[in-house]
Protein backbone atom coordinates (compact mmCIF):
# COMPACT_ATOMS: atom_id res chain seq x y z
CA MET A 1 -1.31 67.60 -21.56
CA HIS A 2 -0.31 63.99 -21.64
CA HIS A 3 3.29 62.94 -21.27
CA ALA A 4 4.82 59.81 -22.67
CA ALA A 5 5.68 57.19 -20.09
CA GLU A 6 9.26 57.32 -19.05
CA ALA A 7 11.44 54.34 -19.76
CA PRO A 8 12.58 52.42 -16.71
CA PRO A 9 16.11 53.21 -15.59
CA SER A 10 18.73 50.89 -16.95
CA SER A 11 19.94 50.13 -13.42
CA LEU A 12 16.79 48.06 -12.71
CA ALA A 13 17.33 44.36 -13.27
CA ALA A 14 15.12 42.50 -15.70
CA PRO A 15 12.44 40.34 -14.04
CA ALA A 16 13.39 36.72 -13.56
CA ALA A 17 12.01 34.36 -16.12
CA SER A 18 9.08 32.32 -14.88
CA PRO A 19 9.82 28.59 -14.49
CA ARG A 20 8.61 26.13 -17.04
CA LEU A 21 5.25 24.51 -16.42
CA LEU A 22 6.47 21.14 -15.16
CA ASP A 23 9.19 22.78 -13.04
CA ALA A 24 6.58 25.03 -11.44
CA LEU A 25 4.41 21.98 -10.84
CA ARG A 26 7.26 20.18 -9.07
CA GLN A 27 8.06 23.25 -6.97
CA GLN A 28 4.48 23.52 -5.73
CA ILE A 29 4.25 19.80 -4.96
CA ARG A 30 7.44 19.94 -2.92
CA TYR A 31 6.30 23.12 -1.19
CA LEU A 32 3.23 21.23 0.05
CA HIS A 33 5.39 18.23 1.09
CA TYR A 34 3.71 15.74 -1.20
CA SER A 35 5.44 12.40 -1.68
CA LEU A 36 7.80 11.64 -4.53
CA ARG A 37 5.32 9.15 -5.98
CA THR A 38 2.59 11.80 -6.03
CA GLU A 39 4.99 14.15 -7.78
CA ASP A 40 5.79 11.57 -10.45
CA ALA A 41 2.09 10.78 -10.99
CA TYR A 42 1.02 14.43 -11.28
CA VAL A 43 3.87 15.25 -13.68
CA HIS A 44 2.90 12.25 -15.80
CA TRP A 45 -0.75 13.29 -16.11
CA VAL A 46 -0.01 16.97 -16.79
CA ARG A 47 2.47 15.98 -19.50
CA ALA A 48 -0.12 13.62 -21.02
CA PHE A 49 -2.75 16.38 -20.91
CA VAL A 50 -0.48 18.82 -22.75
CA ARG A 51 0.47 16.26 -25.38
CA PHE A 52 -3.17 15.25 -25.88
CA HIS A 53 -3.94 18.87 -26.87
CA ARG A 54 -0.92 19.13 -29.18
CA LEU A 55 1.40 21.03 -26.82
CA ARG A 56 -1.02 23.87 -26.09
CA HIS A 57 -0.42 25.58 -22.76
CA PRO A 58 -3.01 24.62 -20.09
CA ALA A 59 -3.62 28.32 -19.35
CA ASP A 60 -5.20 28.56 -22.82
CA LEU A 61 -7.43 25.53 -22.25
CA GLY A 62 -10.68 25.25 -20.34
CA HIS A 63 -13.58 23.07 -19.30
CA ALA A 64 -14.14 21.49 -22.71
CA GLU A 65 -10.49 20.46 -23.09
CA VAL A 66 -10.31 18.95 -19.62
CA GLU A 67 -13.53 16.99 -20.18
CA ALA A 68 -12.26 15.81 -23.57
CA PHE A 69 -9.05 14.47 -22.02
CA LEU A 70 -10.86 12.70 -19.19
CA SER A 71 -13.43 11.24 -21.61
CA TRP A 72 -10.60 9.91 -23.77
CA LEU A 73 -9.10 8.20 -20.72
CA ALA A 74 -12.42 6.62 -19.73
CA GLU A 75 -13.75 5.66 -23.16
CA ASP A 76 -10.75 5.02 -25.38
CA ARG A 77 -8.11 4.01 -22.84
CA GLN A 78 -10.69 2.38 -20.51
CA VAL A 79 -8.73 3.22 -17.38
CA ALA A 80 -9.95 2.18 -13.94
CA PRO A 81 -11.96 4.67 -11.86
CA ALA A 82 -9.00 5.13 -9.50
CA THR A 83 -6.74 6.05 -12.43
CA HIS A 84 -9.40 8.41 -13.76
CA GLN A 85 -9.65 10.07 -10.34
CA GLN A 86 -5.86 10.43 -10.12
CA ALA A 87 -5.69 12.18 -13.51
CA LEU A 88 -8.50 14.54 -12.46
CA SER A 89 -6.73 15.35 -9.18
CA ALA A 90 -3.54 16.17 -11.08
CA LEU A 91 -5.34 18.59 -13.40
CA LEU A 92 -7.21 20.27 -10.55
CA PHE A 93 -3.91 20.70 -8.70
CA LEU A 94 -2.38 22.22 -11.82
CA TYR A 95 -5.10 24.82 -12.29
CA GLN A 96 -5.68 25.67 -8.64
CA LYS A 97 -2.19 25.51 -7.13
CA VAL A 98 0.12 26.22 -10.06
CA LEU A 99 -1.83 28.39 -12.51
CA ARG A 100 -3.84 29.96 -9.63
CA GLN A 101 -7.12 29.66 -11.51
CA ASP A 102 -10.19 28.95 -9.41
CA LEU A 103 -12.71 28.70 -12.21
CA PRO A 104 -16.39 27.84 -11.71
CA TRP A 105 -16.29 24.94 -14.16
CA MET A 106 -13.90 23.02 -11.92
CA GLY A 107 -16.79 22.04 -9.68
CA GLU A 108 -18.83 20.84 -12.65
CA ILE A 109 -16.38 18.20 -13.84
CA GLY A 110 -17.81 14.73 -13.46
CA ARG A 111 -15.99 12.53 -10.98
CA PRO A 112 -15.84 8.75 -11.45
CA LYS A 113 -17.63 6.58 -8.95
CA GLY A 114 -15.17 4.61 -6.91
CA GLU A 115 -15.16 0.83 -6.75
CA ARG A 116 -14.76 -1.17 -3.57
CA ARG A 117 -13.62 -4.69 -4.20
CA LEU A 118 -12.98 -7.52 -1.80
CA PRO A 119 -9.25 -8.12 -1.27
CA VAL A 120 -7.52 -11.29 -2.39
CA VAL A 121 -6.49 -13.41 0.59
CA LEU A 122 -4.17 -16.41 0.72
CA SER A 123 -4.73 -19.31 3.09
CA VAL A 124 -2.13 -20.22 5.70
CA ALA A 125 -0.95 -23.13 3.56
CA GLU A 126 -0.65 -20.90 0.49
CA VAL A 127 1.35 -18.31 2.40
CA THR A 128 3.65 -21.06 3.67
CA ALA A 129 4.21 -22.31 0.11
CA VAL A 130 4.93 -18.81 -1.24
CA LEU A 131 7.42 -18.05 1.53
CA ALA A 132 9.19 -21.35 0.90
CA HIS A 133 9.64 -20.49 -2.78
CA LEU A 134 10.81 -16.98 -1.86
CA ASP A 135 13.48 -18.59 0.32
CA ALA A 136 14.55 -20.81 -2.56
CA HIS A 137 14.75 -17.83 -4.89
CA ALA A 138 16.80 -15.93 -2.33
CA LEU A 139 19.40 -18.72 -2.27
CA HIS A 140 19.99 -18.28 -6.01
CA SER A 141 19.79 -14.48 -6.21
CA GLY A 142 21.36 -13.54 -2.88
CA MET A 143 18.50 -11.11 -2.21
CA PRO A 144 16.47 -11.23 1.02
CA HIS A 145 13.15 -12.06 -0.59
CA GLY A 146 12.17 -14.57 2.08
CA VAL A 147 12.86 -12.14 4.93
CA VAL A 148 10.87 -9.39 3.20
CA GLY A 149 7.93 -11.73 2.61
CA ARG A 150 7.90 -12.86 6.25
CA LEU A 151 8.10 -9.25 7.39
CA LEU A 152 5.07 -8.25 5.32
CA TYR A 153 2.97 -11.22 6.40
CA GLY A 154 4.15 -11.19 10.01
CA THR A 155 3.52 -7.49 10.65
CA GLY A 156 0.94 -6.39 8.05
CA MET A 157 3.24 -3.75 6.59
CA ARG A 158 2.84 -2.37 3.13
CA LEU A 159 5.64 -3.25 0.73
CA LEU A 160 7.35 0.17 0.76
CA GLU A 161 6.94 0.45 4.52
CA GLY A 162 8.94 -2.73 4.91
CA LEU A 163 11.60 -1.83 2.36
CA ARG A 164 12.10 1.63 3.90
CA LEU A 165 12.74 0.15 7.33
CA ARG A 166 15.82 1.59 9.08
CA VAL A 167 18.07 0.02 11.68
CA LYS A 168 16.93 2.36 14.45
CA ASP A 169 13.28 1.37 14.01
CA ILE A 170 13.75 -2.27 15.13
CA ASP A 171 13.54 -2.84 18.87
CA PHE A 172 14.45 -6.43 19.68
CA ASP A 173 14.08 -5.93 23.44
CA ARG A 174 10.46 -4.74 23.20
CA ARG A 175 9.76 -6.97 20.19
CA ALA A 176 8.42 -3.97 18.32
CA ILE A 177 8.97 -2.32 14.93
CA VAL A 178 8.20 1.36 14.34
CA VAL A 179 6.75 2.12 10.92
CA ARG A 180 7.79 5.67 10.02
CA GLU A 181 5.75 7.88 7.71
CA GLY A 182 3.35 5.25 6.52
CA LYS A 183 0.38 6.04 4.33
CA GLY A 184 -0.87 9.49 5.29
CA THR A 185 2.57 10.29 6.84
CA LYS A 186 1.54 8.49 10.04
CA ASP A 187 3.77 6.50 12.37
CA ARG A 188 2.63 3.32 14.09
CA VAL A 189 4.09 0.41 16.07
CA VAL A 190 3.69 -3.22 15.01
CA MET A 191 4.83 -6.44 16.62
CA LEU A 192 8.16 -8.13 15.92
CA PRO A 193 7.37 -11.83 15.41
CA ALA A 194 9.60 -14.17 17.39
CA ALA A 195 10.11 -16.29 14.27
CA LEU A 196 11.48 -13.22 12.48
CA GLU A 197 14.10 -12.25 15.07
CA ALA A 198 16.90 -14.54 13.87
CA PRO A 199 16.36 -13.77 10.11
CA LEU A 200 16.31 -10.05 10.85
CA ARG A 201 19.53 -10.22 12.86
CA ALA A 202 21.19 -12.07 9.97
CA GLN A 203 19.90 -9.46 7.53
CA LEU A 204 21.24 -6.65 9.75
CA ALA A 205 24.66 -8.31 9.73
CA GLN A 206 24.67 -8.26 5.91
CA ALA A 207 23.44 -4.66 5.86
CA HIS A 208 26.23 -3.69 8.25
CA GLU A 209 28.80 -5.04 5.78
CA VAL A 210 27.30 -2.81 3.07
CA TRP A 211 27.35 0.17 5.44
CA ALA A 212 30.99 -0.43 6.39
CA ALA A 213 31.99 -0.69 2.71
CA ASP A 214 30.19 2.61 1.97
CA ARG A 215 32.02 4.34 4.80
CA ALA A 216 35.34 3.02 3.55
CA ALA A 217 34.52 4.23 0.01
CA ASP A 218 33.27 7.62 1.29
CA VAL A 219 29.81 7.16 -0.26
CA GLN A 220 27.43 10.09 0.26
CA GLY A 221 25.13 8.04 2.51
CA VAL A 222 21.40 7.30 2.62
CA HIS A 223 18.51 9.69 2.23
CA VAL A 224 17.16 11.27 5.42
CA PRO A 225 13.77 13.03 5.38
CA HIS A 226 13.09 16.76 5.46
CA ALA A 227 15.84 19.02 6.86
CA LEU A 228 17.47 16.41 9.09
CA ALA A 229 20.47 16.35 6.77
CA ARG A 230 21.23 19.95 7.81
CA LYS A 231 20.25 19.54 11.44
CA TYR A 232 22.21 16.31 11.87
CA PRO A 233 24.92 16.33 9.17
CA ARG A 234 26.21 12.89 10.18
CA ALA A 235 22.81 11.19 10.23
CA ALA A 236 22.98 10.05 6.59
CA LEU A 237 26.31 8.36 7.32
CA SER A 238 25.32 6.73 10.62
CA TRP A 239 24.50 3.06 11.10
CA ALA A 240 21.24 3.87 12.89
CA TRP A 241 19.78 5.56 9.78
CA HIS A 242 20.99 2.90 7.36
CA TRP A 243 18.48 0.74 5.49
CA VAL A 244 17.70 -2.74 6.79
CA PHE A 245 17.35 -3.85 3.15
CA PRO A 246 19.96 -1.83 1.19
CA GLN A 247 20.18 -2.04 -2.56
CA GLY A 248 23.28 -3.69 -3.97
CA LYS A 249 24.16 -0.80 -6.30
CA LEU A 250 24.29 2.94 -5.79
CA SER A 251 21.66 5.10 -7.50
CA MET A 252 21.12 8.76 -8.28
CA ASP A 253 19.15 10.75 -5.73
CA PRO A 254 15.97 12.00 -7.50
CA ARG A 255 15.81 15.11 -5.29
CA GLY A 256 19.45 15.82 -4.70
CA PRO A 257 22.88 15.72 -6.34
CA GLY A 258 25.13 12.69 -6.38
CA GLU A 259 24.75 8.98 -5.79
CA ARG A 260 23.35 7.43 -2.63
CA ARG A 261 22.63 4.02 -1.21
CA HIS A 262 18.95 3.37 -1.86
CA HIS A 263 16.79 0.73 -0.23
CA PHE A 264 15.81 -2.52 -1.92
CA LEU A 265 13.69 -1.83 -5.01
CA GLU A 266 10.07 -2.92 -4.82
CA GLY A 267 10.06 -4.13 -8.42
CA ASN A 268 12.60 -6.83 -7.62
CA PHE A 269 10.44 -8.27 -4.86
CA GLN A 270 7.27 -8.00 -6.93
CA ARG A 271 8.82 -10.10 -9.69
CA ALA A 272 10.13 -12.64 -7.19
CA PHE A 273 6.69 -12.86 -5.58
CA LYS A 274 5.06 -13.47 -8.95
CA ARG A 275 7.50 -16.28 -9.73
CA SER A 276 6.84 -17.83 -6.31
CA LEU A 277 3.09 -17.80 -6.95
CA ASP A 278 3.61 -19.64 -10.23
CA ALA A 279 5.96 -22.16 -8.63
CA ALA A 280 3.43 -22.83 -5.85
CA HIS A 281 0.62 -23.31 -8.42
CA ILE A 282 -1.50 -20.61 -6.81
CA HIS A 283 -3.90 -19.19 -9.38
CA LYS A 284 -5.06 -16.07 -7.58
CA PRO A 285 -4.47 -12.46 -8.69
CA ALA A 286 -2.18 -11.95 -5.72
CA SER A 287 0.57 -9.37 -5.17
CA PRO A 288 2.89 -8.53 -2.26
CA HIS A 289 0.03 -6.46 -0.81
CA THR A 290 -1.94 -9.71 -0.55
CA LEU A 291 0.32 -10.67 2.37
CA ARG A 292 -1.04 -7.65 4.24
CA HIS A 293 -4.62 -8.71 3.48
CA SER A 294 -3.84 -12.24 4.63
CA PHE A 295 -2.30 -10.92 7.85
CA ALA A 296 -5.49 -9.01 8.74
CA THR A 297 -7.84 -11.85 7.78
CA HIS A 298 -5.93 -14.47 9.72
CA LEU A 299 -5.86 -12.25 12.82
CA LEU A 300 -9.63 -11.89 12.67
CA GLN A 301 -9.99 -15.64 12.22
CA ALA A 302 -7.85 -16.12 15.35
CA GLY A 303 -10.32 -14.02 17.36
CA TYR A 304 -8.56 -10.66 17.66
CA ASP A 305 -10.93 -7.69 17.83
CA ILE A 306 -11.22 -5.40 14.88
CA ARG A 307 -9.90 -2.33 16.72
CA THR A 308 -6.59 -4.09 17.34
CA VAL A 309 -6.34 -5.06 13.70
CA GLN A 310 -7.17 -1.48 12.70
CA GLU A 311 -4.30 -0.10 14.76
CA LEU A 312 -1.82 -2.64 13.42
CA LEU A 313 -2.78 -1.86 9.83
CA GLY A 314 -2.72 1.91 10.41
CA HIS A 315 -6.25 2.52 9.12
CA ALA A 316 -7.68 5.92 10.02
CA ASP A 317 -11.26 4.64 9.88
CA VAL A 318 -12.51 1.29 11.11
CA SER A 319 -14.77 1.07 8.07
CA THR A 320 -11.65 0.36 6.00
CA THR A 321 -10.81 -2.58 8.25
CA MET A 322 -14.42 -3.83 8.04
CA ILE A 323 -13.75 -5.12 4.53
CA TYR A 324 -11.96 -8.13 6.03
CA THR A 325 -15.07 -9.20 7.92
CA HIS A 326 -16.70 -9.75 4.53
CA VAL A 327 -13.75 -11.83 3.39
CA LEU A 328 -14.42 -14.17 6.32
CA ARG A 329 -17.95 -14.74 5.04
CA LEU A 330 -16.92 -15.60 1.48
CA GLY A 331 -18.01 -19.02 0.38
CA GLY A 332 -20.86 -19.10 2.89
CA GLY A 333 -18.67 -19.11 5.97
CA ALA A 334 -21.75 -18.40 8.10
CA VAL A 335 -24.49 -19.64 5.73
CA ARG A 336 -25.21 -23.26 4.89
CA SER A 337 -26.04 -23.92 1.29
CA PRO A 338 -29.45 -25.53 0.63
CA LEU A 339 -27.67 -28.07 -1.58
CA ASP A 340 -25.98 -29.58 1.48
CA SER A 341 -29.35 -30.00 3.23
CA MET A 342 -30.85 -32.15 0.45
CA THR A 343 -28.78 -35.25 1.27
CA PRO A 344 -27.20 -35.82 4.69
CA GLY A 345 -23.43 -36.02 4.45
CA ALA A 346 -23.42 -34.80 0.84
CA GLY A 347 -20.98 -32.00 1.60
CA PRO A 348 -17.40 -32.22 0.35
CA ALA A 349 -14.76 -33.73 2.57
CA PRO A 350 -12.47 -31.25 4.34
CA GLY A 351 -9.72 -30.10 2.00
CA ALA A 352 -11.25 -31.86 -1.06
CA PHE A 353 -11.23 -28.71 -3.21
CA ALA A 354 -8.44 -26.81 -1.51
CA GLY A 355 -6.07 -27.12 -4.46
CA PRO A 356 -2.50 -28.46 -4.29
CA HIS A 357 -2.24 -27.51 -0.62
CA GLY A 358 -5.59 -28.98 0.46
CA ALA A 359 -4.23 -31.34 3.09
CA ALA A 360 -2.09 -28.66 4.71
CA ALA A 361 -4.98 -26.18 4.63
CA ALA A 362 -7.34 -28.69 6.25
CA ALA A 363 -4.78 -29.40 8.97
CA ALA A 364 -4.29 -25.67 9.59
CA ASP A 365 -8.03 -25.11 9.81
CA ALA A 366 -8.44 -28.02 12.23
CA ALA A 367 -5.68 -26.78 14.58
CA PRO A 368 -6.95 -25.38 17.90
CA ILE A 369 -6.78 -21.63 18.37
CA ALA A 370 -6.85 -19.31 21.37
CA PRO A 371 -10.20 -18.37 22.97
CA ARG A 372 -11.99 -15.87 20.77
CA ARG A 373 -13.49 -12.54 21.69
CA PHE A 374 -15.84 -12.91 18.79
CA ASP A 375 -16.29 -15.43 16.03
CA LEU A 376 -18.45 -16.28 13.10
CA PRO A 377 -21.19 -18.77 14.04
CA ASP A 378 -20.36 -22.40 13.29
CA MET A 379 -22.78 -24.31 11.09
CA PRO A 380 -22.58 -28.09 11.72
CA ALA A 381 -23.94 -30.41 9.07
CA SER A 382 -26.87 -31.51 11.27
CA ARG A 383 -28.10 -27.99 11.88
CA PRO A 384 -31.11 -26.93 9.77
CA PRO A 385 -30.67 -23.92 7.52
CA ARG A 386 -31.65 -20.54 8.87
CA ALA A 387 -34.41 -18.50 7.34
CA ARG A 388 -32.45 -15.26 7.78
CA GLU A 389 -28.90 -14.30 7.08
CA PRO A 390 -26.90 -14.26 10.37
CA GLU A 391 -25.69 -10.95 11.70
CA PRO A 392 -22.22 -9.91 10.44
CA CYS A 393 -19.38 -10.27 12.90
CA TYR A 394 -18.98 -6.52 13.40
CA ALA A 395 -22.51 -6.35 14.83
CA LEU A 396 -21.86 -8.87 17.61
CA PRO A 397 -22.01 -7.78 21.29
CA CYS A 398 -18.25 -7.28 21.49
CA LEU A 399 -18.55 -4.29 19.17
CA ALA A 400 -21.95 -3.06 20.34
CA PRO A 401 -20.62 0.13 22.04
CA MET A 402 -18.93 1.16 18.80
CA ALA A 403 -21.06 3.22 16.44
CA GLN A 404 -21.05 1.91 12.92
CA PRO A 405 -19.65 4.43 10.38
CA ALA A 406 -21.87 5.65 7.62
CA THR A 407 -19.65 4.02 4.99
CA ALA A 408 -19.75 0.56 6.50
CA PHE A 409 -21.25 -2.27 4.52
CA ARG A 410 -24.83 -3.20 5.35
CA PRO A 411 -26.21 -6.72 5.38
CA THR A 412 -28.36 -7.66 2.44
CA PRO A 413 -32.04 -6.92 3.21
CA ASN A 414 -34.47 -9.81 3.25
């Protein structure tokens, strides 16, 4: 005989309501210690995916709906392959980590082929002009744009790495700067340029005034990573943890209650950099990250080995740093054009097509440099053209013991 199921006793509490989809997504991202920018990007793409399918829950959608959304991004919106890949990663994270669905069709989704483009690089004269205009803009705005620009070019930091710099990470005695939690949550040490010591000390004096005013006003303090706020309760209020480039106004903490002192916003510097490019009449698609590319290229031009440049940039693989060896060869840096061999002395005069800073660029190129460990071969005007393309600089004897990675660029076959 079958008995009806007994009702649960009233003393048992009702199960807790499951969190909303985006809240569950944020919880899982923070559980895995992803960055705040990754969290914002994943939330954006999941929200766009839900709205694209008219607010249907992703648990009720499948392979066809995911492919339709990605096809719409690629065909109608014409997003870049990197943006396409980011949207796909967000959806895979949603289904695998949040909805706990490991479905066979996830491995069948087409992935966009990545693009590898040569970085934009400024000449020494162009960098000098941009920094001069950043200084002029800083005089009117009161913001340390010139110091930030010199920091990025002088050390090769990324923009956010420089803006997140804290007082404790500058060592004037050792002339070193510690970059904390760079890309890939890796720390590294870069040089402190001698020309940057005095501007940085002046900037620290201004930051100390902001810190003292915050302590007098009993401001909550700056953000400290992970659980250090509990382990060291006074760290957020200390001078050592204060930002080198503090923002003028307080802002809400995106992952905590109350207002805090945030670091200098990257958007402000990006706009100032764009205005400086226009004022210097530089017509290149440059950005603040271009200063990092210029730092690496100019080091290689000065004869520093590629392993040193790799460590300063914080690249995990030397193949990423190899891209700058191809920048050195742009414009036939190691190949003489057959047009120049038709008529002796028909080549352009030095600096003739260097733009508004041609004279300064020619003088910078003609200045003597330190002895080089390796260099691109020089091609004087009297030398006959070669029948073969010269070997790239990363295949010279100085790097012979180093095995070339599988992803490295190969010279063009004959």
